[in-house]
Amino acid sequence: MPRRTWLDQKVDALLEELAASGMDLDRQRAGELITDRVRAVAALMRVTAPTARKYLDEETVRDMARRMLSEFAAEQPGADLLEVPRTVPVPLVFVGIIVAALAGAMQVRAANEPSDRLGGVVATYGQMLSGFGQITAGAASSQAGNSAQAMFPPALLRRAARYLGNAADLAASGGNLPDGVPEAARGELAAALRRDADGLITVTATA
């Protein structure tokens, strides 16, 4: 087993705090956030990075996660997103596009996680895909009005947009690509994921 670093331990604490409220963040992004905080503390206090790390204990990192959760309030952390009000109409054609995008984003995330974290990635994206499927199936069988669209909770759509955006950032910043995706397609993959994420944000903002 490789030796666990200070950053590994702090990333674990950040991700555990987020996961307790049903939120997910890839390890690379979590590491970048903590590293940025170390640099900020070092610059503010005019000390070296190793010295600045002493000021970022586990509780401080968990507090970072709690502040992030407050910023993601629109995603209703900890709520059962299948039970909250569904107020945003989404065309079923777009639902299909998003389901395919989420499957692609899951592959990008999986390609950038250590093997012992793959289960968590699959579970996170699997729950999102399941939610989209259940809502779509329910709409098809119960809606008496426009069967070409389904009503979704805004929080579910915003969370899906974040998942897609995170995967787009990974692809754009040189992260590992899924098996079978050539390097030449990196830019196209990142652009497609970002476009779909922006589409979800637009849908929720205009509803």
C-alpha atoms as a PDB file:
ATOM      1  CA  MET A   1       0.000   0.000   0.000  1.00  0.00           C
ATOM      2  CA  PRO A   2       1.397   3.454  -0.907  1.00  0.00           C
ATOM      3  CA  ARG A   3       2.069   5.765   2.016  1.00  0.00           C
ATOM      4  CA  ARG A   4      -0.883   8.048   2.739  1.00  0.00           C
ATOM      5  CA  THR A   5       0.039  11.707   2.582  1.00  0.00           C
ATOM      6  CA  TRP A   6      -1.231  14.672   4.581  1.00  0.00           C
ATOM      7  CA  LEU A   7      -3.290  15.692   1.545  1.00  0.00           C
ATOM      8  CA  ASP A   8      -4.817  12.202   1.244  1.00  0.00           C
ATOM      9  CA  GLN A   9      -6.036  12.402   4.824  1.00  0.00           C
ATOM     10  CA  LYS A  10      -7.525  15.859   4.410  1.00  0.00           C
ATOM     11  CA  VAL A  11      -9.231  14.903   1.138  1.00  0.00           C
ATOM     12  CA  ASP A  12     -10.794  11.932   2.931  1.00  0.00           C
ATOM     13  CA  ALA A  13     -12.151  14.218   5.651  1.00  0.00           C
ATOM     14  CA  LEU A  14     -13.590  16.681   3.126  1.00  0.00           C
ATOM     15  CA  LEU A  15     -15.259  13.957   1.059  1.00  0.00           C
ATOM     16  CA  GLU A  16     -16.650  12.184   4.127  1.00  0.00           C
ATOM     17  CA  GLU A  17     -18.284  15.384   5.351  1.00  0.00           C
ATOM     18  CA  LEU A  18     -19.834  16.024   1.938  1.00  0.00           C
ATOM     19  CA  ALA A  19     -20.971  12.421   1.559  1.00  0.00           C
ATOM     20  CA  ALA A  20     -22.798  12.582   4.894  1.00  0.00           C
ATOM     21  CA  SER A  21     -25.200  15.025   3.219  1.00  0.00           C
ATOM     22  CA  GLY A  22     -25.427  13.081  -0.026  1.00  0.00           C
ATOM     23  CA  MET A  23     -22.976  15.271  -1.922  1.00  0.00           C
ATOM     24  CA  ASP A  24     -20.142  14.070  -4.153  1.00  0.00           C
ATOM     25  CA  LEU A  25     -16.863  15.608  -5.307  1.00  0.00           C
ATOM     26  CA  ASP A  26     -13.999  13.962  -7.183  1.00  0.00           C
ATOM     27  CA  ARG A  27     -10.728  13.534  -5.315  1.00  0.00           C
ATOM     28  CA  GLN A  28      -8.706  15.632  -7.740  1.00  0.00           C
ATOM     29  CA  ARG A  29     -10.969  18.656  -7.277  1.00  0.00           C
ATOM     30  CA  ALA A  30     -11.044  18.140  -3.507  1.00  0.00           C
ATOM     31  CA  GLY A  31      -7.249  18.062  -3.450  1.00  0.00           C
ATOM     32  CA  GLU A  32      -7.078  21.255  -5.493  1.00  0.00           C
ATOM     33  CA  LEU A  33      -9.425  23.046  -3.082  1.00  0.00           C
ATOM     34  CA  ILE A  34      -7.346  22.056  -0.059  1.00  0.00           C
ATOM     35  CA  THR A  35      -4.076  22.918  -1.785  1.00  0.00           C
ATOM     36  CA  ASP A  36      -5.487  26.331  -2.725  1.00  0.00           C
ATOM     37  CA  ARG A  37      -6.445  26.887   0.914  1.00  0.00           C
ATOM     38  CA  VAL A  38      -2.917  25.997   2.051  1.00  0.00           C
ATOM     39  CA  ARG A  39      -1.475  28.524  -0.404  1.00  0.00           C
ATOM     40  CA  ALA A  40      -3.904  31.205   0.759  1.00  0.00           C
ATOM     41  CA  VAL A  41      -3.022  30.627   4.421  1.00  0.00           C
ATOM     42  CA  ALA A  42       0.694  30.629   3.617  1.00  0.00           C
ATOM     43  CA  ALA A  43       0.400  33.921   1.726  1.00  0.00           C
ATOM     44  CA  LEU A  44      -1.746  35.548   4.421  1.00  0.00           C
ATOM     45  CA  MET A  45       0.509  34.529   7.287  1.00  0.00           C
ATOM     46  CA  ARG A  46       3.754  34.804   5.315  1.00  0.00           C
ATOM     47  CA  VAL A  47       4.820  31.290   6.167  1.00  0.00           C
ATOM     48  CA  THR A  48       5.831  28.239   4.164  1.00  0.00           C
ATOM     49  CA  ALA A  49       3.281  25.743   2.856  1.00  0.00           C
ATOM     50  CA  PRO A  50       4.348  23.037   5.374  1.00  0.00           C
ATOM     51  CA  THR A  51       3.804  25.515   8.205  1.00  0.00           C
ATOM     52  CA  ALA A  52       0.430  26.579   6.766  1.00  0.00           C
ATOM     53  CA  ARG A  53      -0.707  22.959   6.790  1.00  0.00           C
ATOM     54  CA  LYS A  54      -0.584  22.980  10.579  1.00  0.00           C
ATOM     55  CA  TYR A  55      -3.489  25.411  10.552  1.00  0.00           C
ATOM     56  CA  LEU A  56      -5.648  23.075   8.452  1.00  0.00           C
ATOM     57  CA  ASP A  57      -6.544  20.288  10.838  1.00  0.00           C
ATOM     58  CA  GLU A  58      -9.376  17.827  10.156  1.00  0.00           C
ATOM     59  CA  GLU A  59     -12.033  20.000  11.803  1.00  0.00           C
ATOM     60  CA  THR A  60     -11.009  22.983   9.656  1.00  0.00           C
ATOM     61  CA  VAL A  61     -11.321  20.866   6.527  1.00  0.00           C
ATOM     62  CA  ARG A  62     -14.722  19.576   7.623  1.00  0.00           C
ATOM     63  CA  ASP A  63     -15.781  23.176   8.190  1.00  0.00           C
ATOM     64  CA  MET A  64     -14.749  23.870   4.588  1.00  0.00           C
ATOM     65  CA  ALA A  65     -17.093  21.089   3.513  1.00  0.00           C
ATOM     66  CA  ARG A  66     -19.956  22.500   5.584  1.00  0.00           C
ATOM     67  CA  ARG A  67     -19.507  25.911   3.963  1.00  0.00           C
ATOM     68  CA  MET A  68     -19.543  24.248   0.547  1.00  0.00           C
ATOM     69  CA  LEU A  69     -22.798  22.531   1.457  1.00  0.00           C
ATOM     70  CA  SER A  70     -24.379  25.870   2.311  1.00  0.00           C
ATOM     71  CA  GLU A  71     -23.333  27.143  -1.118  1.00  0.00           C
ATOM     72  CA  PHE A  72     -25.042  24.122  -2.686  1.00  0.00           C
ATOM     73  CA  ALA A  73     -28.314  24.793  -0.865  1.00  0.00           C
ATOM     74  CA  ALA A  74     -30.192  24.805  -4.186  1.00  0.00           C
ATOM     75  CA  GLU A  75     -29.318  21.109  -4.514  1.00  0.00           C
ATOM     76  CA  GLN A  76     -31.004  20.382  -1.151  1.00  0.00           C
ATOM     77  CA  PRO A  77     -28.189  18.310   0.404  1.00  0.00           C
ATOM     78  CA  GLY A  78     -29.475  15.346   2.392  1.00  0.00           C
ATOM     79  CA  ALA A  79     -33.001  15.475   0.932  1.00  0.00           C
ATOM     80  CA  ASP A  80     -34.687  12.579  -0.868  1.00  0.00           C
ATOM     81  CA  LEU A  81     -34.821  14.208  -4.283  1.00  0.00           C
ATOM     82  CA  LEU A  82     -37.561  11.860  -5.467  1.00  0.00           C
ATOM     83  CA  GLU A  83     -39.864  13.203  -2.769  1.00  0.00           C
ATOM     84  CA  VAL A  84     -39.375  16.971  -3.163  1.00  0.00           C
ATOM     85  CA  PRO A  85     -41.713  19.034  -5.404  1.00  0.00           C
ATOM     86  CA  ARG A  86     -41.234  18.595  -9.147  1.00  0.00           C
ATOM     87  CA  THR A  87     -41.650  22.008 -10.690  1.00  0.00           C
ATOM     88  CA  VAL A  88     -39.418  22.030 -13.781  1.00  0.00           C
ATOM     89  CA  PRO A  89     -40.791  20.637 -17.078  1.00  0.00           C
ATOM     90  CA  VAL A  90     -38.083  18.865 -19.085  1.00  0.00           C
ATOM     91  CA  PRO A  91     -38.642  17.525 -22.629  1.00  0.00           C
ATOM     92  CA  LEU A  92     -38.131  13.776 -22.731  1.00  0.00           C
ATOM     93  CA  VAL A  93     -35.714  14.188 -25.629  1.00  0.00           C
ATOM     94  CA  PHE A  94     -33.471  16.275 -23.358  1.00  0.00           C
ATOM     95  CA  VAL A  95     -33.890  13.734 -20.552  1.00  0.00           C
ATOM     96  CA  GLY A  96     -32.429  11.092 -22.865  1.00  0.00           C
ATOM     97  CA  ILE A  97     -29.487  13.348 -23.697  1.00  0.00           C
ATOM     98  CA  ILE A  98     -28.789  13.971 -20.006  1.00  0.00           C
ATOM     99  CA  VAL A  99     -28.977  10.274 -19.109  1.00  0.00           C
ATOM    100  CA  ALA A 100     -26.398   9.532 -21.811  1.00  0.00           C
ATOM    101  CA  ALA A 101     -24.236  12.446 -20.610  1.00  0.00           C
ATOM    102  CA  LEU A 102     -24.362  11.219 -17.013  1.00  0.00           C
ATOM    103  CA  ALA A 103     -23.263   7.759 -18.131  1.00  0.00           C
ATOM    104  CA  GLY A 104     -20.319   9.347 -19.936  1.00  0.00           C
ATOM    105  CA  ALA A 105     -19.497  11.542 -16.946  1.00  0.00           C
ATOM    106  CA  MET A 106     -19.500   8.474 -14.704  1.00  0.00           C
ATOM    107  CA  GLN A 107     -16.893   6.852 -16.956  1.00  0.00           C
ATOM    108  CA  VAL A 108     -14.704   9.972 -16.792  1.00  0.00           C
ATOM    109  CA  ARG A 109     -14.934  10.057 -12.999  1.00  0.00           C
ATOM    110  CA  ALA A 110     -14.230   6.332 -12.724  1.00  0.00           C
ATOM    111  CA  ALA A 111     -11.119   6.702 -14.885  1.00  0.00           C
ATOM    112  CA  ASN A 112      -9.742   9.234 -12.401  1.00  0.00           C
ATOM    113  CA  GLU A 113     -10.489   7.508  -9.105  1.00  0.00           C
ATOM    114  CA  PRO A 114      -8.396   4.887  -7.273  1.00  0.00           C
ATOM    115  CA  SER A 115      -9.833   1.384  -7.355  1.00  0.00           C
ATOM    116  CA  ASP A 116     -11.009   1.529  -3.742  1.00  0.00           C
ATOM    117  CA  ARG A 117     -13.193   4.553  -4.582  1.00  0.00           C
ATOM    118  CA  LEU A 118     -14.887   3.186  -7.702  1.00  0.00           C
ATOM    119  CA  GLY A 119     -17.802   1.779  -5.724  1.00  0.00           C
ATOM    120  CA  GLY A 120     -18.661   5.236  -4.424  1.00  0.00           C
ATOM    121  CA  VAL A 121     -18.511   6.773  -7.901  1.00  0.00           C
ATOM    122  CA  VAL A 122     -20.775   4.094  -9.359  1.00  0.00           C
ATOM    123  CA  ALA A 123     -23.225   4.441  -6.471  1.00  0.00           C
ATOM    124  CA  THR A 124     -23.373   8.241  -6.788  1.00  0.00           C
ATOM    125  CA  TYR A 125     -23.990   8.288 -10.507  1.00  0.00           C
ATOM    126  CA  GLY A 126     -26.183   5.195 -10.328  1.00  0.00           C
ATOM    127  CA  GLN A 127     -28.527   6.959  -7.905  1.00  0.00           C
ATOM    128  CA  MET A 128     -28.736   9.955 -10.220  1.00  0.00           C
ATOM    129  CA  LEU A 129     -29.462   7.786 -13.265  1.00  0.00           C
ATOM    130  CA  SER A 130     -32.041   5.837 -11.280  1.00  0.00           C
ATOM    131  CA  GLY A 131     -33.736   9.083 -10.270  1.00  0.00           C
ATOM    132  CA  PHE A 132     -33.991  10.246 -13.863  1.00  0.00           C
ATOM    133  CA  GLY A 133     -35.342   6.857 -14.902  1.00  0.00           C
ATOM    134  CA  GLN A 134     -37.955   6.648 -12.151  1.00  0.00           C
ATOM    135  CA  ILE A 135     -39.258  10.154 -12.755  1.00  0.00           C
ATOM    136  CA  THR A 136     -39.438   9.610 -16.511  1.00  0.00           C
ATOM    137  CA  ALA A 137     -41.216   6.276 -16.147  1.00  0.00           C
ATOM    138  CA  GLY A 138     -43.687   7.764 -13.685  1.00  0.00           C
ATOM    139  CA  ALA A 139     -44.418  10.692 -15.990  1.00  0.00           C
ATOM    140  CA  ALA A 140     -45.063   8.419 -18.952  1.00  0.00           C
ATOM    141  CA  SER A 141     -47.642   6.394 -17.017  1.00  0.00           C
ATOM    142  CA  SER A 142     -49.423   9.130 -15.041  1.00  0.00           C
ATOM    143  CA  GLN A 143     -49.345  12.401 -16.943  1.00  0.00           C
ATOM    144  CA  ALA A 144     -52.600  13.148 -18.667  1.00  0.00           C
ATOM    145  CA  GLY A 145     -51.235  16.309 -20.282  1.00  0.00           C
ATOM    146  CA  ASN A 146     -48.059  16.663 -22.318  1.00  0.00           C
ATOM    147  CA  SER A 147     -46.500  13.194 -22.421  1.00  0.00           C
ATOM    148  CA  ALA A 148     -43.489  14.602 -24.305  1.00  0.00           C
ATOM    149  CA  GLN A 149     -42.104  16.065 -21.092  1.00  0.00           C
ATOM    150  CA  ALA A 150     -41.650  15.155 -17.439  1.00  0.00           C
ATOM    151  CA  MET A 151     -41.652  17.309 -14.310  1.00  0.00           C
ATOM    152  CA  PHE A 152     -38.385  17.238 -12.339  1.00  0.00           C
ATOM    153  CA  PRO A 153     -37.278  18.684  -8.993  1.00  0.00           C
ATOM    154  CA  PRO A 154     -34.887  21.612  -9.570  1.00  0.00           C
ATOM    155  CA  ALA A 155     -32.420  20.235  -7.007  1.00  0.00           C
ATOM    156  CA  LEU A 156     -31.997  16.989  -8.955  1.00  0.00           C
ATOM    157  CA  LEU A 157     -31.302  18.886 -12.168  1.00  0.00           C
ATOM    158  CA  ARG A 158     -28.799  21.202 -10.494  1.00  0.00           C
ATOM    159  CA  ARG A 159     -26.963  18.285  -8.925  1.00  0.00           C
ATOM    160  CA  ALA A 160     -26.834  16.514 -12.273  1.00  0.00           C
ATOM    161  CA  ALA A 161     -25.445  19.693 -13.833  1.00  0.00           C
ATOM    162  CA  ARG A 162     -22.672  19.776 -11.236  1.00  0.00           C
ATOM    163  CA  TYR A 163     -21.777  16.137 -11.891  1.00  0.00           C
ATOM    164  CA  LEU A 164     -21.516  16.855 -15.610  1.00  0.00           C
ATOM    165  CA  GLY A 165     -19.537  20.041 -15.010  1.00  0.00           C
ATOM    166  CA  ASN A 166     -17.070  18.267 -12.736  1.00  0.00           C
ATOM    167  CA  ALA A 167     -16.484  15.579 -15.361  1.00  0.00           C
ATOM    168  CA  ALA A 168     -16.054  18.251 -18.040  1.00  0.00           C
ATOM    169  CA  ASP A 169     -13.417  19.966 -15.895  1.00  0.00           C
ATOM    170  CA  LEU A 170     -11.578  16.672 -15.400  1.00  0.00           C
ATOM    171  CA  ALA A 171     -11.510  15.979 -19.125  1.00  0.00           C
ATOM    172  CA  ALA A 172     -10.488  19.538 -20.013  1.00  0.00           C
ATOM    173  CA  SER A 173      -7.697  19.709 -17.434  1.00  0.00           C
ATOM    174  CA  GLY A 174      -5.849  16.594 -18.574  1.00  0.00           C
ATOM    175  CA  GLY A 175      -7.519  13.945 -16.421  1.00  0.00           C
ATOM    176  CA  ASN A 176      -7.606  10.319 -17.495  1.00  0.00           C
ATOM    177  CA  LEU A 177     -10.028   9.535 -20.317  1.00  0.00           C
ATOM    178  CA  PRO A 178     -12.278   6.438 -20.274  1.00  0.00           C
ATOM    179  CA  ASP A 179     -11.036   3.378 -22.144  1.00  0.00           C
ATOM    180  CA  GLY A 180     -11.796   3.683 -25.832  1.00  0.00           C
ATOM    181  CA  VAL A 181     -11.859   7.491 -25.885  1.00  0.00           C
ATOM    182  CA  PRO A 182      -8.902   8.790 -27.944  1.00  0.00           C
ATOM    183  CA  GLU A 183      -6.872  11.775 -26.823  1.00  0.00           C
ATOM    184  CA  ALA A 184      -8.002  13.623 -29.948  1.00  0.00           C
ATOM    185  CA  ALA A 185     -11.572  13.540 -28.610  1.00  0.00           C
ATOM    186  CA  ARG A 186     -10.708  15.127 -25.232  1.00  0.00           C
ATOM    187  CA  GLY A 187     -11.813  18.623 -26.186  1.00  0.00           C
ATOM    188  CA  GLU A 188     -15.008  17.409 -27.815  1.00  0.00           C
ATOM    189  CA  LEU A 189     -15.915  15.289 -24.780  1.00  0.00           C
ATOM    190  CA  ALA A 190     -15.307  18.155 -22.350  1.00  0.00           C
ATOM    191  CA  ALA A 191     -17.305  20.569 -24.524  1.00  0.00           C
ATOM    192  CA  ALA A 192     -20.236  18.159 -24.823  1.00  0.00           C
ATOM    193  CA  LEU A 193     -20.396  17.565 -21.069  1.00  0.00           C
ATOM    194  CA  ARG A 194     -20.166  21.295 -20.370  1.00  0.00           C
ATOM    195  CA  ARG A 195     -22.884  22.051 -22.932  1.00  0.00           C
ATOM    196  CA  ASP A 196     -25.266  19.568 -21.315  1.00  0.00           C
ATOM    197  CA  ALA A 197     -24.475  20.926 -17.835  1.00  0.00           C
ATOM    198  CA  ASP A 198     -25.200  24.466 -19.017  1.00  0.00           C
ATOM    199  CA  GLY A 199     -28.432  23.240 -20.592  1.00  0.00           C
ATOM    200  CA  LEU A 200     -29.619  21.876 -17.256  1.00  0.00           C
ATOM    201  CA  ILE A 201     -28.790  25.131 -15.488  1.00  0.00           C
ATOM    202  CA  THR A 202     -30.704  27.050 -18.153  1.00  0.00           C
ATOM    203  CA  VAL A 203     -33.752  24.804 -17.771  1.00  0.00           C
ATOM    204  CA  THR A 204     -33.875  25.290 -14.007  1.00  0.00           C
ATOM    205  CA  ALA A 205     -33.212  29.025 -14.204  1.00  0.00           C
ATOM    206  CA  THR A 206     -36.030  29.688 -16.670  1.00  0.00           C
ATOM    207  CA  ALA A 207     -38.669  27.433 -15.104  1.00  0.00           C
END
